[in-house]
Amino acid sequence: MKYSIIFAAVLAALALSACNKPTVVTPTVVTVPVPGPAGPTGATGSSGMTGQTGASGATGSTGDTGATGSSGGKGATGATGEPGKTGGDTVVVIPPVPAPAR
């Protein structure tokens, strides 16, 4: 019993010392200035000067005339056809035309 009270006291001291004690932080107030209304618009600036005009380019030269083409050659003469064959034994019969009725 004499050790139990001492043991309980040491255990309580260790348990309470292990607790996390929060640190008190006092908030700092930072004052931020708010911008005022916008001022009047400034005057319009003057216009700039006009630039110089560039020089005109030189005119190009005229091209050469093309060469004349060669004339075509004369075509070859075609082959001569075979002579025609004479008639055979064909007989043509022409029926007589009846006289008109009066």
PDB file of N, CA and C in Angstrom:
ATOM      1  N   MET A   1       0.821  -1.169   0.000  1.00  0.00           N
ATOM      2  CA  MET A   1       0.000   0.000   0.000  1.00  0.00           C
ATOM      3  C   MET A   1       0.876   1.247   0.000  1.00  0.00           C
ATOM      4  N   LYS A   2       2.042   1.161   0.569  1.00  0.00           N
ATOM      5  CA  LYS A   2       2.868   2.344   0.612  1.00  0.00           C
ATOM      6  C   LYS A   2       3.417   2.654  -0.771  1.00  0.00           C
ATOM      7  N   TYR A   3       3.603   1.642  -1.601  1.00  0.00           N
ATOM      8  CA  TYR A   3       4.083   1.910  -2.964  1.00  0.00           C
ATOM      9  C   TYR A   3       2.957   2.288  -3.923  1.00  0.00           C
ATOM     10  N   SER A   4       1.766   1.906  -3.655  1.00  0.00           N
ATOM     11  CA  SER A   4       0.660   2.188  -4.549  1.00  0.00           C
ATOM     12  C   SER A   4       0.315   3.666  -4.589  1.00  0.00           C
ATOM     13  N   ILE A   5       0.410   4.348  -3.464  1.00  0.00           N
ATOM     14  CA  ILE A   5       0.101   5.787  -3.430  1.00  0.00           C
ATOM     15  C   ILE A   5       1.205   6.546  -4.172  1.00  0.00           C
ATOM     16  N   ILE A   6       2.433   6.184  -3.988  1.00  0.00           N
ATOM     17  CA  ILE A   6       3.541   6.859  -4.660  1.00  0.00           C
ATOM     18  C   ILE A   6       3.452   6.576  -6.172  1.00  0.00           C
ATOM     19  N   PHE A   7       3.152   5.324  -6.464  1.00  0.00           N
ATOM     20  CA  PHE A   7       3.029   4.962  -7.872  1.00  0.00           C
ATOM     21  C   PHE A   7       1.896   5.737  -8.536  1.00  0.00           C
ATOM     22  N   ALA A   8       0.753   5.913  -7.908  1.00  0.00           N
ATOM     23  CA  ALA A   8      -0.382   6.668  -8.448  1.00  0.00           C
ATOM     24  C   ALA A   8      -0.030   8.138  -8.605  1.00  0.00           C
ATOM     25  N   ALA A   9       0.726   8.723  -7.681  1.00  0.00           N
ATOM     26  CA  ALA A   9       1.110  10.131  -7.735  1.00  0.00           C
ATOM     27  C   ALA A   9       2.062  10.367  -8.927  1.00  0.00           C
ATOM     28  N   VAL A  10       3.041   9.454  -9.119  1.00  0.00           N
ATOM     29  CA  VAL A  10       3.979   9.595 -10.229  1.00  0.00           C
ATOM     30  C   VAL A  10       3.241   9.431 -11.568  1.00  0.00           C
ATOM     31  N   LEU A  11       2.330   8.482 -11.637  1.00  0.00           N
ATOM     32  CA  LEU A  11       1.561   8.264 -12.842  1.00  0.00           C
ATOM     33  C   LEU A  11       0.686   9.471 -13.176  1.00  0.00           C
ATOM     34  N   ALA A  12       0.059  10.080 -12.193  1.00  0.00           N
ATOM     35  CA  ALA A  12      -0.772  11.266 -12.411  1.00  0.00           C
ATOM     36  C   ALA A  12       0.080  12.445 -12.887  1.00  0.00           C
ATOM     37  N   ALA A  13       1.269  12.608 -12.299  1.00  0.00           N
ATOM     38  CA  ALA A  13       2.154  13.706 -12.689  1.00  0.00           C
ATOM     39  C   ALA A  13       2.605  13.536 -14.142  1.00  0.00           C
ATOM     40  N   LEU A  14       2.936  12.308 -14.521  1.00  0.00           N
ATOM     41  CA  LEU A  14       3.347  12.075 -15.907  1.00  0.00           C
ATOM     42  C   LEU A  14       2.184  12.265 -16.886  1.00  0.00           C
ATOM     43  N   ALA A  15       1.018  11.829 -16.539  1.00  0.00           N
ATOM     44  CA  ALA A  15      -0.141  11.959 -17.411  1.00  0.00           C
ATOM     45  C   ALA A  15      -0.520  13.415 -17.609  1.00  0.00           C
ATOM     46  N   LEU A  16      -0.481  14.207 -16.572  1.00  0.00           N
ATOM     47  CA  LEU A  16      -0.858  15.624 -16.687  1.00  0.00           C
ATOM     48  C   LEU A  16       0.220  16.449 -17.398  1.00  0.00           C
ATOM     49  N   SER A  17       1.471  16.045 -17.253  1.00  0.00           N
ATOM     50  CA  SER A  17       2.524  16.811 -17.918  1.00  0.00           C
ATOM     51  C   SER A  17       2.582  16.511 -19.415  1.00  0.00           C
ATOM     52  N   ALA A  18       2.000  15.407 -19.850  1.00  0.00           N
ATOM     53  CA  ALA A  18       2.005  15.056 -21.264  1.00  0.00           C
ATOM     54  C   ALA A  18       0.927  15.782 -22.054  1.00  0.00           C
ATOM     55  N   CYS A  19       0.018  16.459 -21.417  1.00  0.00           N
ATOM     56  CA  CYS A  19      -1.062  17.184 -22.110  1.00  0.00           C
ATOM     57  C   CYS A  19      -0.491  18.368 -22.871  1.00  0.00           C
ATOM     58  N   ASN A  20      -1.064  18.627 -24.002  1.00  0.00           N
ATOM     59  CA  ASN A  20      -0.646  19.748 -24.831  1.00  0.00           C
ATOM     60  C   ASN A  20      -1.359  20.988 -24.347  1.00  0.00           C
ATOM     61  N   LYS A  21      -0.598  21.955 -23.931  1.00  0.00           N
ATOM     62  CA  LYS A  21      -1.185  23.207 -23.458  1.00  0.00           C
ATOM     63  C   LYS A  21      -1.166  24.187 -24.625  1.00  0.00           C
ATOM     64  N   PRO A  22      -2.315  24.652 -25.092  1.00  0.00           N
ATOM     65  CA  PRO A  22      -2.329  25.583 -26.229  1.00  0.00           C
ATOM     66  C   PRO A  22      -1.725  26.926 -25.864  1.00  0.00           C
ATOM     67  N   THR A  23      -0.975  27.494 -26.800  1.00  0.00           N
ATOM     68  CA  THR A  23      -0.376  28.809 -26.606  1.00  0.00           C
ATOM     69  C   THR A  23      -1.392  29.854 -27.039  1.00  0.00           C
ATOM     70  N   VAL A  24      -1.534  30.873 -26.243  1.00  0.00           N
ATOM     71  CA  VAL A  24      -2.489  31.935 -26.542  1.00  0.00           C
ATOM     72  C   VAL A  24      -1.856  32.878 -27.566  1.00  0.00           C
ATOM     73  N   VAL A  25      -2.552  33.069 -28.709  1.00  0.00           N
ATOM     74  CA  VAL A  25      -2.070  33.947 -29.774  1.00  0.00           C
ATOM     75  C   VAL A  25      -3.012  35.134 -29.847  1.00  0.00           C
ATOM     76  N   THR A  26      -2.462  36.316 -29.713  1.00  0.00           N
ATOM     77  CA  THR A  26      -3.291  37.515 -29.826  1.00  0.00           C
ATOM     78  C   THR A  26      -3.252  37.970 -31.285  1.00  0.00           C
ATOM     79  N   PRO A  27      -4.411  38.119 -31.885  1.00  0.00           N
ATOM     80  CA  PRO A  27      -4.441  38.526 -33.298  1.00  0.00           C
ATOM     81  C   PRO A  27      -3.950  39.955 -33.474  1.00  0.00           C
ATOM     82  N   THR A  28      -3.184  40.177 -34.538  1.00  0.00           N
ATOM     83  CA  THR A  28      -2.685  41.504 -34.860  1.00  0.00           C
ATOM     84  C   THR A  28      -3.585  42.095 -35.932  1.00  0.00           C
ATOM     85  N   VAL A  29      -4.080  43.269 -35.735  1.00  0.00           N
ATOM     86  CA  VAL A  29      -4.966  43.937 -36.684  1.00  0.00           C
ATOM     87  C   VAL A  29      -4.110  44.781 -37.620  1.00  0.00           C
ATOM     88  N   VAL A  30      -4.228  44.492 -38.918  1.00  0.00           N
ATOM     89  CA  VAL A  30      -3.490  45.267 -39.917  1.00  0.00           C
ATOM     90  C   VAL A  30      -4.499  46.131 -40.654  1.00  0.00           C
ATOM     91  N   THR A  31      -4.280  47.406 -40.641  1.00  0.00           N
ATOM     92  CA  THR A  31      -5.182  48.335 -41.316  1.00  0.00           C
ATOM     93  C   THR A  31      -4.681  48.550 -42.741  1.00  0.00           C
ATOM     94  N   VAL A  32      -5.560  48.252 -43.713  1.00  0.00           N
ATOM     95  CA  VAL A  32      -5.203  48.412 -45.125  1.00  0.00           C
ATOM     96  C   VAL A  32      -5.931  49.643 -45.647  1.00  0.00           C
ATOM     97  N   PRO A  33      -5.195  50.597 -46.218  1.00  0.00           N
ATOM     98  CA  PRO A  33      -5.882  51.789 -46.735  1.00  0.00           C
ATOM     99  C   PRO A  33      -6.707  51.449 -47.981  1.00  0.00           C
ATOM    100  N   VAL A  34      -7.878  52.018 -48.063  1.00  0.00           N
ATOM    101  CA  VAL A  34      -8.771  51.822 -49.207  1.00  0.00           C
ATOM    102  C   VAL A  34      -8.543  52.969 -50.181  1.00  0.00           C
ATOM    103  N   PRO A  35      -8.313  52.670 -51.476  1.00  0.00           N
ATOM    104  CA  PRO A  35      -8.076  53.757 -52.432  1.00  0.00           C
ATOM    105  C   PRO A  35      -9.328  54.615 -52.612  1.00  0.00           C
ATOM    106  N   GLY A  36      -9.105  55.873 -52.879  1.00  0.00           N
ATOM    107  CA  GLY A  36     -10.206  56.810 -53.075  1.00  0.00           C
ATOM    108  C   GLY A  36     -10.734  56.760 -54.500  1.00  0.00           C
ATOM    109  N   PRO A  37     -11.648  57.645 -54.841  1.00  0.00           N
ATOM    110  CA  PRO A  37     -12.216  57.647 -56.199  1.00  0.00           C
ATOM    111  C   PRO A  37     -11.160  58.085 -57.230  1.00  0.00           C
ATOM    112  N   ALA A  38     -11.361  57.678 -58.466  1.00  0.00           N
ATOM    113  CA  ALA A  38     -10.423  58.008 -59.538  1.00  0.00           C
ATOM    114  C   ALA A  38     -10.480  59.492 -59.866  1.00  0.00           C
ATOM    115  N   GLY A  39      -9.360  60.035 -60.265  1.00  0.00           N
ATOM    116  CA  GLY A  39      -9.295  61.448 -60.629  1.00  0.00           C
ATOM    117  C   GLY A  39      -9.800  61.669 -62.047  1.00  0.00           C
ATOM    118  N   PRO A  40      -9.837  62.912 -62.506  1.00  0.00           N
ATOM    119  CA  PRO A  40     -10.338  63.223 -63.854  1.00  0.00           C
ATOM    120  C   PRO A  40      -9.366  62.704 -64.924  1.00  0.00           C
ATOM    121  N   THR A  41      -9.901  62.445 -66.112  1.00  0.00           N
ATOM    122  CA  THR A  41      -9.100  61.966 -67.237  1.00  0.00           C
ATOM    123  C   THR A  41      -8.187  63.071 -67.747  1.00  0.00           C
ATOM    124  N   GLY A  42      -6.970  62.711 -68.128  1.00  0.00           N
ATOM    125  CA  GLY A  42      -6.013  63.686 -68.643  1.00  0.00           C
ATOM    126  C   GLY A  42      -6.357  64.099 -70.070  1.00  0.00           C
ATOM    127  N   ALA A  43      -5.677  65.143 -70.555  1.00  0.00           N
ATOM    128  CA  ALA A  43      -5.917  65.670 -71.902  1.00  0.00           C
ATOM    129  C   ALA A  43      -5.374  64.691 -72.949  1.00  0.00           C
ATOM    130  N   THR A  44      -5.971  64.725 -74.145  1.00  0.00           N
ATOM    131  CA  THR A  44      -5.532  63.873 -75.249  1.00  0.00           C
ATOM    132  C   THR A  44      -4.231  64.421 -75.822  1.00  0.00           C
ATOM    133  N   GLY A  45      -3.303  63.532 -76.147  1.00  0.00           N
ATOM    134  CA  GLY A  45      -2.020  63.947 -76.705  1.00  0.00           C
ATOM    135  C   GLY A  45      -2.150  64.373 -78.160  1.00  0.00           C
ATOM    136  N   SER A  46      -1.130  65.060 -78.669  1.00  0.00           N
ATOM    137  CA  SER A  46      -1.158  65.525 -80.063  1.00  0.00           C
ATOM    138  C   SER A  46      -0.830  64.375 -81.010  1.00  0.00           C
ATOM    139  N   SER A  47      -1.275  64.497 -82.269  1.00  0.00           N
ATOM    140  CA  SER A  47      -1.041  63.467 -83.281  1.00  0.00           C
ATOM    141  C   SER A  47       0.413  63.495 -83.727  1.00  0.00           C
ATOM    142  N   GLY A  48       0.928  62.326 -84.131  1.00  0.00           N
ATOM    143  CA  GLY A  48       2.301  62.238 -84.617  1.00  0.00           C
ATOM    144  C   GLY A  48       2.413  62.712 -86.064  1.00  0.00           C
ATOM    145  N   MET A  49       3.660  62.879 -86.529  1.00  0.00           N
ATOM    146  CA  MET A  49       3.902  63.344 -87.893  1.00  0.00           C
ATOM    147  C   MET A  49       3.675  62.208 -88.883  1.00  0.00           C
ATOM    148  N   THR A  50       3.339  62.561 -90.123  1.00  0.00           N
ATOM    149  CA  THR A  50       3.144  61.582 -91.192  1.00  0.00           C
ATOM    150  C   THR A  50       4.506  61.216 -91.768  1.00  0.00           C
ATOM    151  N   GLY A  51       4.724  59.934 -92.037  1.00  0.00           N
ATOM    152  CA  GLY A  51       6.006  59.477 -92.584  1.00  0.00           C
ATOM    153  C   GLY A  51       6.155  59.841 -94.052  1.00  0.00           C
ATOM    154  N   GLN A  52       7.401  59.737 -94.550  1.00  0.00           N
ATOM    155  CA  GLN A  52       7.681  60.064 -95.944  1.00  0.00           C
ATOM    156  C   GLN A  52       7.217  58.932 -96.859  1.00  0.00           C
ATOM    157  N   THR A  53       6.904  59.309 -98.105  1.00  0.00           N
ATOM    158  CA  THR A  53       6.499  58.328 -99.107  1.00  0.00           C
ATOM    159  C   THR A  53       7.743  57.704 -99.703  1.00  0.00           C
ATOM    160  N   GLY A  54       7.726  56.401 -99.928  1.00  0.00           N
ATOM    161  CA  GLY A  54       8.877  55.706-100.506  1.00  0.00           C
ATOM    162  C   GLY A  54       9.035  56.012-101.991  1.00  0.00           C
ATOM    163  N   ALA A  55      10.244  55.776-102.516  1.00  0.00           N
ATOM    164  CA  ALA A  55      10.528  56.020-103.932  1.00  0.00           C
ATOM    165  C   ALA A  55       9.878  54.939-104.789  1.00  0.00           C
ATOM    166  N   SER A  56       9.524  55.293-106.027  1.00  0.00           N
ATOM    167  CA  SER A  56       8.929  54.328-106.958  1.00  0.00           C
ATOM    168  C   SER A  56      10.006  53.396-107.485  1.00  0.00           C
ATOM    169  N   GLY A  57       9.656  52.169-107.753  1.00  0.00           N
ATOM    170  CA  GLY A  57      10.611  51.201-108.295  1.00  0.00           C
ATOM    171  C   GLY A  57      10.853  51.430-109.782  1.00  0.00           C
ATOM    172  N   ALA A  58      11.963  50.916-110.301  1.00  0.00           N
ATOM    173  CA  ALA A  58      12.315  51.052-111.720  1.00  0.00           C
ATOM    174  C   ALA A  58      11.434  50.135-112.564  1.00  0.00           C
ATOM    175  N   THR A  59      11.207  50.535-113.825  1.00  0.00           N
ATOM    176  CA  THR A  59      10.398  49.738-114.742  1.00  0.00           C
ATOM    177  C   THR A  59      11.230  48.566-115.233  1.00  0.00           C
ATOM    178  N   GLY A  60      10.650  47.407-115.343  1.00  0.00           N
ATOM    179  CA  GLY A  60      11.361  46.216-115.795  1.00  0.00           C
ATOM    180  C   GLY A  60      11.610  46.253-117.289  1.00  0.00           C
ATOM    181  N   SER A  61      12.609  45.507-117.759  1.00  0.00           N
ATOM    182  CA  SER A  61      12.936  45.475-119.189  1.00  0.00           C
ATOM    183  C   SER A  61      11.978  44.542-119.924  1.00  0.00           C
ATOM    184  N   THR A  62      11.866  44.770-121.253  1.00  0.00           N
ATOM    185  CA  THR A  62      10.978  43.969-122.092  1.00  0.00           C
ATOM    186  C   THR A  62      11.674  42.663-122.443  1.00  0.00           C
ATOM    187  N   GLY A  63      10.957  41.578-122.484  1.00  0.00           N
ATOM    188  CA  GLY A  63      11.544  40.278-122.804  1.00  0.00           C
ATOM    189  C   GLY A  63      11.838  40.133-124.289  1.00  0.00           C
ATOM    190  N   ASP A  64      12.680  39.156-124.641  1.00  0.00           N
ATOM    191  CA  ASP A  64      13.031  38.878-126.040  1.00  0.00           C
ATOM    192  C   ASP A  64      11.851  38.243-126.767  1.00  0.00           C
ATOM    193  N   THR A  65      11.842  38.437-128.112  1.00  0.00           N
ATOM    194  CA  THR A  65      10.814  37.819-128.950  1.00  0.00           C
ATOM    195  C   THR A  65      11.149  36.355-129.124  1.00  0.00           C
ATOM    196  N   GLY A  66      10.179  35.505-129.113  1.00  0.00           N
ATOM    197  CA  GLY A  66      10.416  34.073-129.248  1.00  0.00           C
ATOM    198  C   GLY A  66      10.788  33.692-130.674  1.00  0.00           C
ATOM    199  N   ALA A  67      11.449  32.537-130.856  1.00  0.00           N
ATOM    200  CA  ALA A  67      11.868  32.054-132.166  1.00  0.00           C
ATOM    201  C   ALA A  67      10.668  31.499-132.918  1.00  0.00           C
ATOM    202  N   THR A  68      10.737  31.572-134.284  1.00  0.00           N
ATOM    203  CA  THR A  68       9.667  31.043-135.117  1.00  0.00           C
ATOM    204  C   THR A  68       9.798  29.532-135.177  1.00  0.00           C
ATOM    205  N   GLY A  69       8.711  28.828-135.128  1.00  0.00           N
ATOM    206  CA  GLY A  69       8.745  27.381-135.173  1.00  0.00           C
ATOM    207  C   GLY A  69       9.021  26.860-136.579  1.00  0.00           C
ATOM    208  N   SER A  70       9.533  25.633-136.693  1.00  0.00           N
ATOM    209  CA  SER A  70       9.831  25.052-138.007  1.00  0.00           C
ATOM    210  C   SER A  70       8.546  24.570-138.660  1.00  0.00           C
ATOM    211  N   SER A  71       8.542  24.581-140.041  1.00  0.00           N
ATOM    212  CA  SER A  71       7.354  24.130-140.757  1.00  0.00           C
ATOM    213  C   SER A  71       7.361  22.611-140.792  1.00  0.00           C
ATOM    214  N   GLY A  72       6.217  22.013-140.807  1.00  0.00           N
ATOM    215  CA  GLY A  72       6.143  20.559-140.815  1.00  0.00           C
ATOM    216  C   GLY A  72       6.531  19.985-142.175  1.00  0.00           C
ATOM    217  N   GLY A  73       7.019  18.770-142.223  1.00  0.00           N
ATOM    218  CA  GLY A  73       7.401  18.132-143.495  1.00  0.00           C
ATOM    219  C   GLY A  73       6.168  17.604-144.219  1.00  0.00           C
ATOM    220  N   LYS A  74       6.361  17.223-145.480  1.00  0.00           N
ATOM    221  CA  LYS A  74       5.255  16.721-146.282  1.00  0.00           C
ATOM    222  C   LYS A  74       5.004  15.280-145.867  1.00  0.00           C
ATOM    223  N   GLY A  75       3.770  14.919-145.730  1.00  0.00           N
ATOM    224  CA  GLY A  75       3.436  13.563-145.327  1.00  0.00           C
ATOM    225  C   GLY A  75       3.658  12.563-146.449  1.00  0.00           C
ATOM    226  N   ALA A  76       3.780  11.312-146.098  1.00  0.00           N
ATOM    227  CA  ALA A  76       4.008  10.258-147.099  1.00  0.00           C
ATOM    228  C   ALA A  76       2.710   9.961-147.840  1.00  0.00           C
ATOM    229  N   THR A  77       2.857   9.508-149.127  1.00  0.00           N
ATOM    230  CA  THR A  77       1.690   9.182-149.951  1.00  0.00           C
ATOM    231  C   THR A  77       1.184   7.814-149.550  1.00  0.00           C
ATOM    232  N   GLY A  78      -0.129   7.645-149.508  1.00  0.00           N
ATOM    233  CA  GLY A  78      -0.712   6.371-149.117  1.00  0.00           C
ATOM    234  C   GLY A  78      -0.551   5.319-150.209  1.00  0.00           C
ATOM    235  N   ALA A  79      -0.728   4.075-149.852  1.00  0.00           N
ATOM    236  CA  ALA A  79      -0.589   2.966-150.807  1.00  0.00           C
ATOM    237  C   ALA A  79      -1.759   2.972-151.774  1.00  0.00           C
ATOM    238  N   THR A  80      -1.495   2.500-153.010  1.00  0.00           N
ATOM    239  CA  THR A  80      -2.533   2.463-154.044  1.00  0.00           C
ATOM    240  C   THR A  80      -3.431   1.267-153.789  1.00  0.00           C
ATOM    241  N   GLY A  81      -4.738   1.429-154.003  1.00  0.00           N
ATOM    242  CA  GLY A  81      -5.681   0.345-153.760  1.00  0.00           C
ATOM    243  C   GLY A  81      -5.648  -0.697-154.868  1.00  0.00           C
ATOM    244  N   GLU A  82      -6.212  -1.874-154.615  1.00  0.00           N
ATOM    245  CA  GLU A  82      -6.272  -2.943-155.615  1.00  0.00           C
ATOM    246  C   GLU A  82      -7.308  -2.589-156.667  1.00  0.00           C
ATOM    247  N   PRO A  83      -7.100  -3.061-157.881  1.00  0.00           N
ATOM    248  CA  PRO A  83      -8.101  -2.778-158.919  1.00  0.00           C
ATOM    249  C   PRO A  83      -9.396  -3.516-158.602  1.00  0.00           C
ATOM    250  N   GLY A  84     -10.535  -2.964-159.041  1.00  0.00           N
ATOM    251  CA  GLY A  84     -11.838  -3.568-158.767  1.00  0.00           C
ATOM    252  C   GLY A  84     -12.048  -4.840-159.583  1.00  0.00           C
ATOM    253  N   LYS A  85     -12.896  -5.732-159.085  1.00  0.00           N
ATOM    254  CA  LYS A  85     -13.176  -6.980-159.773  1.00  0.00           C
ATOM    255  C   LYS A  85     -14.332  -6.763-160.736  1.00  0.00           C
ATOM    256  N   THR A  86     -14.325  -7.507-161.815  1.00  0.00           N
ATOM    257  CA  THR A  86     -15.401  -7.395-162.794  1.00  0.00           C
ATOM    258  C   THR A  86     -16.606  -8.165-162.295  1.00  0.00           C
ATOM    259  N   GLY A  87     -17.773  -7.872-162.877  1.00  0.00           N
ATOM    260  CA  GLY A  87     -19.006  -8.527-162.457  1.00  0.00           C
ATOM    261  C   GLY A  87     -19.015 -10.003-162.789  1.00  0.00           C
ATOM    262  N   GLY A  88     -19.838 -10.766-162.099  1.00  0.00           N
ATOM    263  CA  GLY A  88     -19.913 -12.202-162.306  1.00  0.00           C
ATOM    264  C   GLY A  88     -21.150 -12.566-163.117  1.00  0.00           C
ATOM    265  N   ASP A  89     -21.844 -13.604-162.766  1.00  0.00           N
ATOM    266  CA  ASP A  89     -23.017 -14.093-163.492  1.00  0.00           C
ATOM    267  C   ASP A  89     -24.311 -13.594-162.884  1.00  0.00           C
ATOM    268  N   THR A  90     -24.359 -12.446-162.330  1.00  0.00           N
ATOM    269  CA  THR A  90     -25.566 -11.930-161.687  1.00  0.00           C
ATOM    270  C   THR A  90     -26.520 -11.404-162.745  1.00  0.00           C
ATOM    271  N   VAL A  91     -27.820 -11.821-162.666  1.00  0.00           N
ATOM    272  CA  VAL A  91     -28.836 -11.382-163.604  1.00  0.00           C
ATOM    273  C   VAL A  91     -29.835 -10.541-162.832  1.00  0.00           C
ATOM    274  N   VAL A  92     -30.143  -9.348-163.347  1.00  0.00           N
ATOM    275  CA  VAL A  92     -31.109  -8.467-162.719  1.00  0.00           C
ATOM    276  C   VAL A  92     -32.346  -8.456-163.589  1.00  0.00           C
ATOM    277  N   VAL A  93     -33.524  -8.799-163.024  1.00  0.00           N
ATOM    278  CA  VAL A  93     -34.784  -8.849-163.757  1.00  0.00           C
ATOM    279  C   VAL A  93     -35.629  -7.667-163.301  1.00  0.00           C
ATOM    280  N   ILE A  94     -36.064  -6.841-164.263  1.00  0.00           N
ATOM    281  CA  ILE A  94     -36.898  -5.691-163.932  1.00  0.00           C
ATOM    282  C   ILE A  94     -38.300  -6.019-164.407  1.00  0.00           C
ATOM    283  N   PRO A  95     -39.306  -6.069-163.540  1.00  0.00           N
ATOM    284  CA  PRO A  95     -40.677  -6.383-163.962  1.00  0.00           C
ATOM    285  C   PRO A  95     -41.253  -5.255-164.801  1.00  0.00           C
ATOM    286  N   PRO A  96     -42.119  -5.596-165.782  1.00  0.00           N
ATOM    287  CA  PRO A  96     -42.698  -4.532-166.590  1.00  0.00           C
ATOM    288  C   PRO A  96     -43.698  -3.721-165.776  1.00  0.00           C
ATOM    289  N   VAL A  97     -43.810  -2.447-166.084  1.00  0.00           N
ATOM    290  CA  VAL A  97     -44.734  -1.543-165.399  1.00  0.00           C
ATOM    291  C   VAL A  97     -46.061  -1.562-166.141  1.00  0.00           C
ATOM    292  N   PRO A  98     -47.190  -1.859-165.482  1.00  0.00           N
ATOM    293  CA  PRO A  98     -48.502  -1.871-166.180  1.00  0.00           C
ATOM    294  C   PRO A  98     -48.862  -0.471-166.651  1.00  0.00           C
ATOM    295  N   ALA A  99     -49.586  -0.434-167.741  1.00  0.00           N
ATOM    296  CA  ALA A  99     -50.020   0.839-168.316  1.00  0.00           C
ATOM    297  C   ALA A  99     -51.131   1.419-167.445  1.00  0.00           C
ATOM    298  N   PRO A 100     -51.215   2.711-167.379  1.00  0.00           N
ATOM    299  CA  PRO A 100     -52.254   3.304-166.553  1.00  0.00           C
ATOM    300  C   PRO A 100     -53.650   3.090-167.173  1.00  0.00           C
ATOM    301  N   ALA A 101     -54.645   2.900-166.375  1.00  0.00           N
ATOM    302  CA  ALA A 101     -56.038   2.682-166.831  1.00  0.00           C
ATOM    303  C   ALA A 101     -56.633   4.017-167.203  1.00  0.00           C
ATOM    304  N   ARG A 102     -57.483   3.940-168.346  1.00  0.00           N
ATOM    305  CA  ARG A 102     -58.096   5.172-168.792  1.00  0.00           C
ATOM    306  C   ARG A 102     -59.526   5.181-168.576  1.00  0.00           C
TER     307      ARG A 102
END
